[in-house]
Structure formats: structure tokens, C-alpha cells
C-alpha atoms as a PDB file:
ATOM      1  CA  UNK A   1     -34.559  14.077 103.242  1.00  0.00           C
ATOM      2  CA  UNK A   2     -31.928  13.661 100.558  1.00  0.00           C
ATOM      3  CA  UNK A   3     -30.326  16.936  99.354  1.00  0.00           C
ATOM      4  CA  UNK A   4     -27.899  17.085  96.431  1.00  0.00           C
ATOM      5  CA  UNK A   5     -25.741  19.868  95.026  1.00  0.00           C
ATOM      6  CA  UNK A   6     -24.846  20.061  91.407  1.00  0.00           C
ATOM      7  CA  UNK A   7     -21.968  22.487  91.347  1.00  0.00           C
ATOM      8  CA  UNK A   8     -20.194  24.674  88.797  1.00  0.00           C
ATOM      9  CA  UNK A   9     -16.987  22.711  89.449  1.00  0.00           C
ATOM     10  CA  UNK A  10     -18.692  19.400  88.730  1.00  0.00           C
ATOM     11  CA  UNK A  11     -20.402  20.664  85.628  1.00  0.00           C
ATOM     12  CA  UNK A  12     -17.193  22.172  84.175  1.00  0.00           C
ATOM     13  CA  UNK A  13     -14.730  19.570  85.560  1.00  0.00           C
ATOM     14  CA  UNK A  14     -12.844  22.046  87.702  1.00  0.00           C
ATOM     15  CA  UNK A  15     -10.131  20.669  89.987  1.00  0.00           C
ATOM     16  CA  UNK A  16      -9.521  22.104  92.474  1.00  0.00           C
ATOM     17  CA  UNK A  17     -12.991  23.451  92.957  1.00  0.00           C
ATOM     18  CA  UNK A  18     -13.699  27.105  92.221  1.00  0.00           C
ATOM     19  CA  UNK A  19     -13.839  29.472  95.210  1.00  0.00           C
ATOM     20  CA  UNK A  20     -17.621  29.861  95.148  1.00  0.00           C
ATOM     21  CA  UNK A  21     -18.181  26.095  95.400  1.00  0.00           C
ATOM     22  CA  UNK A  22     -15.730  25.845  98.294  1.00  0.00           C
ATOM     23  CA  UNK A  23     -17.451  28.667 100.144  1.00  0.00           C
ATOM     24  CA  UNK A  24     -21.114  27.934  99.366  1.00  0.00           C
ATOM     25  CA  UNK A  25     -21.075  24.137  99.080  1.00  0.00           C
ATOM     26  CA  UNK A  26     -18.071  22.227 100.420  1.00  0.00           C
ATOM     27  CA  UNK A  27     -18.010  24.087 103.737  1.00  0.00           C
ATOM     28  CA  UNK A  28     -21.781  23.502 104.275  1.00  0.00           C
ATOM     29  CA  UNK A  29     -21.555  19.771 103.594  1.00  0.00           C
ATOM     30  CA  UNK A  30     -19.362  19.322 106.687  1.00  0.00           C
ATOM     31  CA  UNK A  31     -22.326  20.359 108.876  1.00  0.00           C
ATOM     32  CA  UNK A  32     -25.162  18.948 106.799  1.00  0.00           C
ATOM     33  CA  UNK A  33     -25.279  15.085 106.830  1.00  0.00           C
ATOM     34  CA  UNK A  34     -28.341  14.926 104.541  1.00  0.00           C
ATOM     35  CA  UNK A  35     -26.528  16.908 101.792  1.00  0.00           C
ATOM     36  CA  UNK A  36     -23.873  15.744  99.314  1.00  0.00           C
ATOM     37  CA  UNK A  37     -22.655  16.318  95.813  1.00  0.00           C
ATOM     38  CA  UNK A  38     -24.963  15.066  93.063  1.00  0.00           C
ATOM     39  CA  UNK A  39     -24.122  11.816  91.268  1.00  0.00           C
ATOM     40  CA  UNK A  40     -25.507  11.025  87.853  1.00  0.00           C
ATOM     41  CA  UNK A  41     -28.729   8.984  88.076  1.00  0.00           C
ATOM     42  CA  UNK A  42     -29.759  10.141  91.547  1.00  0.00           C
ATOM     43  CA  UNK A  43     -33.250  11.497  92.118  1.00  0.00           C
ATOM     44  CA  UNK A  44     -33.028  13.315  95.456  1.00  0.00           C
ATOM     45  CA  UNK A  45     -35.730  15.160  97.359  1.00  0.00           C
ATOM     46  CA  UNK A  46     -33.955  18.478  96.755  1.00  0.00           C
ATOM     47  CA  UNK A  47     -31.534  19.638  94.026  1.00  0.00           C
ATOM     48  CA  UNK A  48     -29.457  22.785  94.549  1.00  0.00           C
ATOM     49  CA  UNK A  49     -27.917  24.066  91.354  1.00  0.00           C
ATOM     50  CA  UNK A  50     -24.829  26.136  92.129  1.00  0.00           C
ATOM     51  CA  UNK A  51     -24.117  28.331  89.103  1.00  0.00           C
ATOM     52  CA  UNK A  52     -25.471  25.583  86.841  1.00  0.00           C
ATOM     53  CA  UNK A  53     -28.037  26.847  84.327  1.00  0.00           C
ATOM     54  CA  UNK A  54     -30.501  25.621  81.735  1.00  0.00           C
ATOM     55  CA  UNK A  55     -29.207  25.726  78.157  1.00  0.00           C
ATOM     56  CA  UNK A  56     -30.459  24.724  74.747  1.00  0.00           C
ATOM     57  CA  UNK A  57     -28.775  21.337  75.201  1.00  0.00           C
ATOM     58  CA  UNK A  58     -29.210  20.932  78.953  1.00  0.00           C
ATOM     59  CA  UNK A  59     -32.679  21.014  80.519  1.00  0.00           C
ATOM     60  CA  UNK A  60     -32.200  19.004  83.708  1.00  0.00           C
ATOM     61  CA  UNK A  61     -32.840  22.114  85.915  1.00  0.00           C
ATOM     62  CA  UNK A  62     -36.191  22.533  84.121  1.00  0.00           C
ATOM     63  CA  UNK A  63     -37.258  18.899  84.167  1.00  0.00           C
ATOM     64  CA  UNK A  64     -36.277  17.896  87.703  1.00  0.00           C
ATOM     65  CA  UNK A  65     -39.602  17.451  89.501  1.00  0.00           C
ATOM     66  CA  UNK A  66     -38.775  17.690  93.179  1.00  0.00           C
ATOM     67  CA  UNK A  67     -37.746  20.846  95.116  1.00  0.00           C
ATOM     68  CA  UNK A  68     -35.029  22.763  93.222  1.00  0.00           C
ATOM     69  CA  UNK A  69     -33.032  25.813  94.186  1.00  0.00           C
ATOM     70  CA  UNK A  70     -30.661  27.973  92.145  1.00  0.00           C
ATOM     71  CA  UNK A  71     -27.715  29.263  94.136  1.00  0.00           C
ATOM     72  CA  UNK A  72     -26.146  32.098  92.094  1.00  0.00           C
ATOM     73  CA  UNK A  73     -23.250  34.132  93.413  1.00  0.00           C
ATOM     74  CA  UNK A  74     -21.950  35.910  90.297  1.00  0.00           C
ATOM     75  CA  UNK A  75     -23.766  38.011  87.663  1.00  0.00           C
ATOM     76  CA  UNK A  76     -23.653  35.157  85.194  1.00  0.00           C
ATOM     77  CA  UNK A  77     -26.172  36.841  82.909  1.00  0.00           C
ATOM     78  CA  UNK A  78     -23.294  39.072  81.822  1.00  0.00           C
ATOM     79  CA  UNK A  79     -21.586  35.865  80.557  1.00  0.00           C
ATOM     80  CA  UNK A  80     -24.585  34.808  78.489  1.00  0.00           C
ATOM     81  CA  UNK A  81     -26.010  32.248  80.892  1.00  0.00           C
ATOM     82  CA  UNK A  82     -29.781  31.755  80.727  1.00  0.00           C
ATOM     83  CA  UNK A  83     -30.404  32.950  84.264  1.00  0.00           C
ATOM     84  CA  UNK A  84     -34.019  33.927  83.554  1.00  0.00           C
ATOM     85  CA  UNK A  85     -35.189  30.530  82.299  1.00  0.00           C
ATOM     86  CA  UNK A  86     -33.388  28.733  85.120  1.00  0.00           C
ATOM     87  CA  UNK A  87     -34.681  30.995  87.883  1.00  0.00           C
ATOM     88  CA  UNK A  88     -38.285  30.709  86.684  1.00  0.00           C
ATOM     89  CA  UNK A  89     -38.026  26.894  86.844  1.00  0.00           C
ATOM     90  CA  UNK A  90     -36.967  26.943  90.484  1.00  0.00           C
ATOM     91  CA  UNK A  91     -38.813  26.852  93.818  1.00  0.00           C
ATOM     92  CA  UNK A  92     -36.327  29.402  95.191  1.00  0.00           C
ATOM     93  CA  UNK A  93     -33.187  31.329  94.367  1.00  0.00           C
ATOM     94  CA  UNK A  94     -30.349  32.071  96.817  1.00  0.00           C
ATOM     95  CA  UNK A  95     -27.527  34.580  96.441  1.00  0.00           C
ATOM     96  CA  UNK A  96     -24.942  36.271  98.666  1.00  0.00           C
ATOM     97  CA  UNK A  97     -25.844  39.948  98.337  1.00  0.00           C
ATOM     98  CA  UNK A  98     -28.962  42.099  98.439  1.00  0.00           C
ATOM     99  CA  UNK A  99     -28.009  43.825  95.186  1.00  0.00           C
ATOM    100  CA  UNK A 100     -28.000  40.481  93.407  1.00  0.00           C
ATOM    101  CA  UNK A 101     -31.264  39.532  95.098  1.00  0.00           C
ATOM    102  CA  UNK A 102     -32.887  42.718  93.777  1.00  0.00           C
ATOM    103  CA  UNK A 103     -31.891  41.783  90.239  1.00  0.00           C
ATOM    104  CA  UNK A 104     -33.081  38.171  90.600  1.00  0.00           C
ATOM    105  CA  UNK A 105     -36.510  39.107  91.984  1.00  0.00           C
ATOM    106  CA  UNK A 106     -37.681  40.198  88.521  1.00  0.00           C
ATOM    107  CA  UNK A 107     -38.113  36.529  87.601  1.00  0.00           C
ATOM    108  CA  UNK A 108     -40.983  36.049  90.139  1.00  0.00           C
ATOM    109  CA  UNK A 109     -39.308  33.253  92.073  1.00  0.00           C
ATOM    110  CA  UNK A 110     -38.724  33.653  95.833  1.00  0.00           C
ATOM    111  CA  UNK A 111     -35.209  35.038  96.419  1.00  0.00           C
ATOM    112  CA  UNK A 112     -33.237  34.746  99.668  1.00  0.00           C
ATOM    113  CA  UNK A 113     -29.891  36.257 100.699  1.00  0.00           C
ATOM    114  CA  UNK A 114     -27.440  33.774 102.159  1.00  0.00           C
ATOM    115  CA  UNK A 115     -24.131  35.567 102.758  1.00  0.00           C
ATOM    116  CA  UNK A 116     -20.812  33.901 102.020  1.00  0.00           C
ATOM    117  CA  UNK A 117     -19.684  32.511 105.362  1.00  0.00           C
ATOM    118  CA  UNK A 118     -16.738  30.570 106.768  1.00  0.00           C
ATOM    119  CA  UNK A 119     -15.940  27.468 108.773  1.00  0.00           C
ATOM    120  CA  UNK A 120     -14.913  28.723 112.235  1.00  0.00           C
ATOM    121  CA  UNK A 121     -14.016  25.297 113.591  1.00  0.00           C
ATOM    122  CA  UNK A 122     -10.823  25.884 115.682  1.00  0.00           C
ATOM    123  CA  UNK A 123      -9.172  23.089 113.674  1.00  0.00           C
ATOM    124  CA  UNK A 124      -9.623  25.287 110.592  1.00  0.00           C
ATOM    125  CA  UNK A 125      -9.611  28.852 111.905  1.00  0.00           C
ATOM    126  CA  UNK A 126      -6.352  29.611 113.700  1.00  0.00           C
ATOM    127  CA  UNK A 127      -6.021  32.448 116.276  1.00  0.00           C
ATOM    128  CA  UNK A 128      -5.958  35.841 114.606  1.00  0.00           C
ATOM    129  CA  UNK A 129      -2.706  37.560 113.751  1.00  0.00           C
ATOM    130  CA  UNK A 130      -1.245  39.887 116.407  1.00  0.00           C
ATOM    131  CA  UNK A 131      -0.166  43.451 115.574  1.00  0.00           C
ATOM    132  CA  UNK A 132       2.987  44.730 117.278  1.00  0.00           C
ATOM    133  CA  UNK A 133       5.245  46.454 114.747  1.00  0.00           C
ATOM    134  CA  UNK A 134       4.869  49.004 111.992  1.00  0.00           C
ATOM    135  CA  UNK A 135       3.412  47.453 108.860  1.00  0.00           C
ATOM    136  CA  UNK A 136       5.734  46.165 106.182  1.00  0.00           C
ATOM    137  CA  UNK A 137       3.500  44.056 103.935  1.00  0.00           C
ATOM    138  CA  UNK A 138       0.036  44.567 102.523  1.00  0.00           C
ATOM    139  CA  UNK A 139      -1.858  41.740 100.802  1.00  0.00           C
ATOM    140  CA  UNK A 140      -4.469  41.606  98.067  1.00  0.00           C
ATOM    141  CA  UNK A 141      -6.089  38.344  97.025  1.00  0.00           C
ATOM    142  CA  UNK A 142      -8.641  37.231  94.482  1.00  0.00           C
ATOM    143  CA  UNK A 143      -8.899  36.057  90.882  1.00  0.00           C
ATOM    144  CA  UNK A 144      -6.174  37.520  88.701  1.00  0.00           C
ATOM    145  CA  UNK A 145      -8.568  39.228  86.272  1.00  0.00           C
ATOM    146  CA  UNK A 146      -9.869  41.305  89.213  1.00  0.00           C
ATOM    147  CA  UNK A 147      -6.463  42.670  90.192  1.00  0.00           C
ATOM    148  CA  UNK A 148      -6.904  45.630  87.833  1.00  0.00           C
ATOM    149  CA  UNK A 149      -8.733  47.424  90.639  1.00  0.00           C
ATOM    150  CA  UNK A 150      -5.347  47.722  92.443  1.00  0.00           C
ATOM    151  CA  UNK A 151      -3.858  49.905  89.700  1.00  0.00           C
ATOM    152  CA  UNK A 152      -4.726  53.268  91.322  1.00  0.00           C
ATOM    153  CA  UNK A 153      -3.163  52.092  94.633  1.00  0.00           C
ATOM    154  CA  UNK A 154       0.252  51.094  93.306  1.00  0.00           C
ATOM    155  CA  UNK A 155       1.766  54.562  93.628  1.00  0.00           C
ATOM    156  CA  UNK A 156       0.609  54.950  97.252  1.00  0.00           C
ATOM    157  CA  UNK A 157       1.927  51.499  98.162  1.00  0.00           C
ATOM    158  CA  UNK A 158       5.327  52.543  96.781  1.00  0.00           C
ATOM    159  CA  UNK A 159       5.314  55.927  98.554  1.00  0.00           C
ATOM    160  CA  UNK A 160       4.632  54.149 101.836  1.00  0.00           C
ATOM    161  CA  UNK A 161       7.462  51.663 101.223  1.00  0.00           C
ATOM    162  CA  UNK A 162       5.095  48.700 101.627  1.00  0.00           C
ATOM    163  CA  UNK A 163       5.732  45.275 100.155  1.00  0.00           C
ATOM    164  CA  UNK A 164       2.809  44.002  98.112  1.00  0.00           C
ATOM    165  CA  UNK A 165       1.751  40.353  98.343  1.00  0.00           C
ATOM    166  CA  UNK A 166      -0.623  38.981  95.738  1.00  0.00           C
ATOM    167  CA  UNK A 167      -2.484  35.669  96.404  1.00  0.00           C
ATOM    168  CA  UNK A 168      -4.272  34.575  93.266  1.00  0.00           C
ATOM    169  CA  UNK A 169      -4.986  31.789  90.834  1.00  0.00           C
ATOM    170  CA  UNK A 170      -2.406  33.347  88.457  1.00  0.00           C
ATOM    171  CA  UNK A 171       0.133  36.135  88.557  1.00  0.00           C
ATOM    172  CA  UNK A 172      -1.755  39.251  87.437  1.00  0.00           C
ATOM    173  CA  UNK A 173       1.534  40.860  86.393  1.00  0.00           C
ATOM    174  CA  UNK A 174       0.781  43.998  88.377  1.00  0.00           C
ATOM    175  CA  UNK A 175       4.318  45.252  88.009  1.00  0.00           C
ATOM    176  CA  UNK A 176       3.402  46.398  84.488  1.00  0.00           C
ATOM    177  CA  UNK A 177       1.654  49.293  86.198  1.00  0.00           C
ATOM    178  CA  UNK A 178       4.868  50.502  87.891  1.00  0.00           C
ATOM    179  CA  UNK A 179       8.424  51.503  87.160  1.00  0.00           C
ATOM    180  CA  UNK A 180       9.773  49.692  90.169  1.00  0.00           C
ATOM    181  CA  UNK A 181      11.340  46.246  89.585  1.00  0.00           C
ATOM    182  CA  UNK A 182       9.028  43.440  90.624  1.00  0.00           C
ATOM    183  CA  UNK A 183      11.640  41.910  92.904  1.00  0.00           C
ATOM    184  CA  UNK A 184      11.773  45.063  95.082  1.00  0.00           C
ATOM    185  CA  UNK A 185       8.195  44.992  96.329  1.00  0.00           C
ATOM    186  CA  UNK A 186       5.910  42.451  94.714  1.00  0.00           C
ATOM    187  CA  UNK A 187       5.421  38.795  95.692  1.00  0.00           C
ATOM    188  CA  UNK A 188       3.021  36.370  93.960  1.00  0.00           C
ATOM    189  CA  UNK A 189       1.682  33.340  95.864  1.00  0.00           C
ATOM    190  CA  UNK A 190      -0.538  30.743  94.223  1.00  0.00           C
ATOM    191  CA  UNK A 191      -3.934  30.558  95.927  1.00  0.00           C
ATOM    192  CA  UNK A 192      -4.908  27.380  97.750  1.00  0.00           C
ATOM    193  CA  UNK A 193      -7.890  26.820 100.010  1.00  0.00           C
ATOM    194  CA  UNK A 194      -5.628  24.760 102.285  1.00  0.00           C
ATOM    195  CA  UNK A 195      -3.086  27.529 102.890  1.00  0.00           C
ATOM    196  CA  UNK A 196      -4.926  30.805 102.392  1.00  0.00           C
ATOM    197  CA  UNK A 197      -5.316  31.646 106.078  1.00  0.00           C
ATOM    198  CA  UNK A 198      -1.650  31.025 106.814  1.00  0.00           C
ATOM    199  CA  UNK A 199      -0.617  33.099 103.800  1.00  0.00           C
ATOM    200  CA  UNK A 200      -2.841  35.977 104.820  1.00  0.00           C
ATOM    201  CA  UNK A 201      -1.370  36.024 108.318  1.00  0.00           C
ATOM    202  CA  UNK A 202       2.127  36.615 106.864  1.00  0.00           C
ATOM    203  CA  UNK A 203       0.939  40.109 105.861  1.00  0.00           C
ATOM    204  CA  UNK A 204       0.162  43.013 108.200  1.00  0.00           C
ATOM    205  CA  UNK A 205      -3.154  44.036 106.670  1.00  0.00           C
ATOM    206  CA  UNK A 206      -5.225  43.568 103.526  1.00  0.00           C
ATOM    207  CA  UNK A 207      -6.011  46.034 100.756  1.00  0.00           C
ATOM    208  CA  UNK A 208      -9.360  45.388  99.062  1.00  0.00           C
ATOM    209  CA  UNK A 209     -10.354  48.542  97.165  1.00  0.00           C
ATOM    210  CA  UNK A 210     -13.971  49.248  96.473  1.00  0.00           C
ATOM    211  CA  UNK A 211     -14.879  47.774  93.059  1.00  0.00           C
ATOM    212  CA  UNK A 212     -16.467  50.519  90.963  1.00  0.00           C
ATOM    213  CA  UNK A 213     -16.773  48.362  87.864  1.00  0.00           C
ATOM    214  CA  UNK A 214     -20.333  47.505  86.678  1.00  0.00           C
ATOM    215  CA  UNK A 215     -20.037  44.029  88.289  1.00  0.00           C
ATOM    216  CA  UNK A 216     -18.718  45.511  91.524  1.00  0.00           C
ATOM    217  CA  UNK A 217     -22.135  46.169  93.104  1.00  0.00           C
ATOM    218  CA  UNK A 218     -22.951  42.436  92.935  1.00  0.00           C
ATOM    219  CA  UNK A 219     -19.737  41.352  94.681  1.00  0.00           C
ATOM    220  CA  UNK A 220     -19.760  39.467  97.960  1.00  0.00           C
ATOM    221  CA  UNK A 221     -17.768  40.677 100.958  1.00  0.00           C
ATOM    222  CA  UNK A 222     -16.223  37.236 101.422  1.00  0.00           C
ATOM    223  CA  UNK A 223     -12.612  38.383 101.059  1.00  0.00           C
ATOM    224  CA  UNK A 224     -13.137  41.120 103.662  1.00  0.00           C
ATOM    225  CA  UNK A 225     -14.649  38.769 106.207  1.00  0.00           C
ATOM    226  CA  UNK A 226     -12.049  36.096 105.561  1.00  0.00           C
ATOM    227  CA  UNK A 227      -9.205  38.568 105.982  1.00  0.00           C
ATOM    228  CA  UNK A 228     -10.698  39.761 109.288  1.00  0.00           C
ATOM    229  CA  UNK A 229     -10.995  36.170 110.526  1.00  0.00           C
ATOM    230  CA  UNK A 230      -7.285  35.768 109.752  1.00  0.00           C
ATOM    231  CA  UNK A 231      -6.640  38.819 111.953  1.00  0.00           C
ATOM    232  CA  UNK A 232      -6.075  41.386 109.230  1.00  0.00           C
ATOM    233  CA  UNK A 233      -7.638  44.816 109.086  1.00  0.00           C
ATOM    234  CA  UNK A 234      -8.966  45.661 105.629  1.00  0.00           C
ATOM    235  CA  UNK A 235      -8.118  48.940 103.899  1.00  0.00           C
ATOM    236  CA  UNK A 236     -10.378  50.081 101.058  1.00  0.00           C
ATOM    237  CA  UNK A 237      -8.757  53.448 100.225  1.00  0.00           C
ATOM    238  CA  UNK A 238      -5.611  55.524 100.542  1.00  0.00           C
ATOM    239  CA  UNK A 239      -6.425  57.042 103.950  1.00  0.00           C
ATOM    240  CA  UNK A 240      -6.992  53.629 105.481  1.00  0.00           C
ATOM    241  CA  UNK A 241      -3.867  52.317 103.775  1.00  0.00           C
ATOM    242  CA  UNK A 242      -1.841  55.013 105.539  1.00  0.00           C
ATOM    243  CA  UNK A 243      -3.500  54.611 108.894  1.00  0.00           C
ATOM    244  CA  UNK A 244      -2.892  50.859 109.054  1.00  0.00           C
ATOM    245  CA  UNK A 245       0.857  51.403 108.983  1.00  0.00           C
ATOM    246  CA  UNK A 246       0.633  51.781 112.771  1.00  0.00           C
ATOM    247  CA  UNK A 247      -0.101  48.754 114.945  1.00  0.00           C
ATOM    248  CA  UNK A 248      -2.423  50.714 117.232  1.00  0.00           C
ATOM    249  CA  UNK A 249      -4.803  51.430 114.328  1.00  0.00           C
ATOM    250  CA  UNK A 250      -4.811  47.798 113.282  1.00  0.00           C
ATOM    251  CA  UNK A 251      -5.468  46.616 116.839  1.00  0.00           C
ATOM    252  CA  UNK A 252      -8.369  49.016 117.207  1.00  0.00           C
ATOM    253  CA  UNK A 253      -9.958  47.827 113.930  1.00  0.00           C
ATOM    254  CA  UNK A 254      -9.643  44.168 114.959  1.00  0.00           C
ATOM    255  CA  UNK A 255     -11.089  44.859 118.392  1.00  0.00           C
ATOM    256  CA  UNK A 256     -14.140  46.398 116.744  1.00  0.00           C
ATOM    257  CA  UNK A 257     -14.629  43.802 113.972  1.00  0.00           C
ATOM    258  CA  UNK A 258     -13.327  40.351 114.813  1.00  0.00           C
ATOM    259  CA  UNK A 259     -15.956  39.082 117.302  1.00  0.00           C
ATOM    260  CA  UNK A 260     -18.844  40.435 115.191  1.00  0.00           C
ATOM    261  CA  UNK A 261     -17.573  38.774 112.001  1.00  0.00           C
ATOM    262  CA  UNK A 262     -16.853  35.507 113.787  1.00  0.00           C
ATOM    263  CA  UNK A 263     -20.408  35.382 115.071  1.00  0.00           C
ATOM    264  CA  UNK A 264     -22.278  36.590 112.006  1.00  0.00           C
ATOM    265  CA  UNK A 265     -20.260  34.671 109.361  1.00  0.00           C
ATOM    266  CA  UNK A 266     -20.323  31.171 110.878  1.00  0.00           C
ATOM    267  CA  UNK A 267     -21.098  28.770 107.968  1.00  0.00           C
ATOM    268  CA  UNK A 268     -23.500  26.796 110.164  1.00  0.00           C
ATOM    269  CA  UNK A 269     -25.876  29.752 109.875  1.00  0.00           C
ATOM    270  CA  UNK A 270     -25.927  29.182 106.108  1.00  0.00           C
ATOM    271  CA  UNK A 271     -26.902  25.545 106.654  1.00  0.00           C
ATOM    272  CA  UNK A 272     -29.775  26.659 108.938  1.00  0.00           C
ATOM    273  CA  UNK A 273     -30.943  29.218 106.365  1.00  0.00           C
ATOM    274  CA  UNK A 274     -30.924  26.695 103.557  1.00  0.00           C
ATOM    275  CA  UNK A 275     -32.932  24.219 105.655  1.00  0.00           C
ATOM    276  CA  UNK A 276     -35.528  26.953 106.329  1.00  0.00           C
ATOM    277  CA  UNK A 277     -35.774  27.761 102.604  1.00  0.00           C
ATOM    278  CA  UNK A 278     -36.292  24.087 101.741  1.00  0.00           C
ATOM    279  CA  UNK A 279     -38.996  23.802 104.400  1.00  0.00           C
ATOM    280  CA  UNK A 280     -40.765  26.902 103.014  1.00  0.00           C
ATOM    281  CA  UNK A 281     -40.562  25.489  99.500  1.00  0.00           C
ATOM    282  CA  UNK A 282     -42.015  22.194 100.657  1.00  0.00           C
ATOM    283  CA  UNK A 283     -44.837  23.958 102.520  1.00  0.00           C
ATOM    284  CA  UNK A 284     -45.767  25.939  99.364  1.00  0.00           C
ATOM    285  CA  UNK A 285     -45.862  22.752  97.317  1.00  0.00           C
ATOM    286  CA  UNK A 286     -48.119  21.063  99.873  1.00  0.00           C
ATOM    287  CA  UNK A 287     -50.574  24.004 100.163  1.00  0.00           C
END
């Protein structure tokens, strides 16, 4: 069976690929010989559209006749994408969270949750960071426009004397929220899929506050799971931020979380899920 992905990065000429395509497509292709990126003119057995939608001047998702799946991992309807028309034309819809699945089920197409997962190949995933000394550096990472959720935490970070490391596509200029000179506490590092695990391990723990914005409930936990796989505990509030100053607290967190996350968030499980969804779609068409 020939499976092809048409990705957001292909459709919008993004190089390097956006994070969602790296997580939900590129990683899977390594373990799925029948799957590849779509090339113009192909007519595969299965098309998976990853954040690619029907539009008034683009109807390929509607007209493709074989099995077709929409993989949506962001609330793109808030950006004006025709999610409804696209979803109704599909055999199935996949998404990373149950809250997004609940929204997508209104379009009467089968919806499945496939969490964002990671490649745990030892060649990719290095041993987790060890925790010996009192914490000096806390890291946040993500797209720059999401860094605003850090604003309430800046004062606490300063009070604790922590250095703040930001790994992002662009510098979010967080020092505008603080009186302290940037050079004293704030380091920006450009995000790269090739170096993210190494950069994370240079910090003592991660700070990923709960996102209370309207889009927050649809967000994947992929940054949390990735940080844990790098060996970093993840603080979501001020109390956790303070507790992770001590190495004992960080060790305890990792002891409780690491093995579970490594088992549950192995990207090969996503490949297996997608194969099952395709088989179910094929069965329904044959019935």
C-alpha cells in the first residue's frame, strides 16, 4: 500500500519544516517504509493531509478518490481555514488531544487521537540529564508568539536568582517585561530540531506554564514529554518552580516520570495507530 503525506511545510514552502511536521510526519516516516512525502502527480492508495485544507482555489483534498485522512494539530479554524469542509471530505481525522477531537467530531467524520510522540532511538535520544547541584538555569521553549505566557513568572524567576534560557524560532524579547538587563539573566538560543535535546540538557529544569488562553485547551503536551525525555523536570507554576531548585526534587520527579513517558510516547506507536486507522477506513469502504 502506498501512503503519502502532504504537509503544511510542503504546501507553504517552509524550510526547515515546521515543528508539527517534524513531530507528526518526519519522525513516523523513519519507521514506515510504505509512507513518504507526496510528489505532484502521484495517486497513492492513501493521502494524509497534515494541516492542509480545502480552499476556494484548492480542492485536491475534496477530489482525491482513495482513502484520505486529515491530521490537524492546531485550532486552524481560528485562522480562517476551512476545517469543516475538509473534515467532511475525509475518511478519518487525527489530532493530538482529546479536546481537539471533541471539537472535530461535530463534522461527523471518525476522529482519532494520536498523541505527539518522539523518536526514542538511542542514536537520537541521549541519556537523560543528571541532577546533582542546586538549579541555576530554567528553560522555556516554543514559538516566540507563545512566550507571552511566561510574563507572570518573570518576577519569581528573578527572586530565585535563576538564569532564563529561551529556545525559540525568534527572540521573543521577554526582557521588555522586566527591569533587569537582559545580559544578567536571559539567554536566547535559536531552535533547531538537530540540537534541541542537547540545548535542553544545558538547563536544570523546564518551565512550561499552563496556557490559559482560548487556544490553550487544544495544545499538545509535546514540549512537556520532550523535556522529560531530555531529563528535565517540568514546572508549571511558582510552587514547582521553587521546589525544583533542589536536586532531590528533580531526581524524584524524573524517577516517577521518565520510564512512563519513554514507553508511552514512542513514535512507533503512532505509526501503529495510523496503520489501524487506515485499515478501519478501508474496511468501511469495502462494506
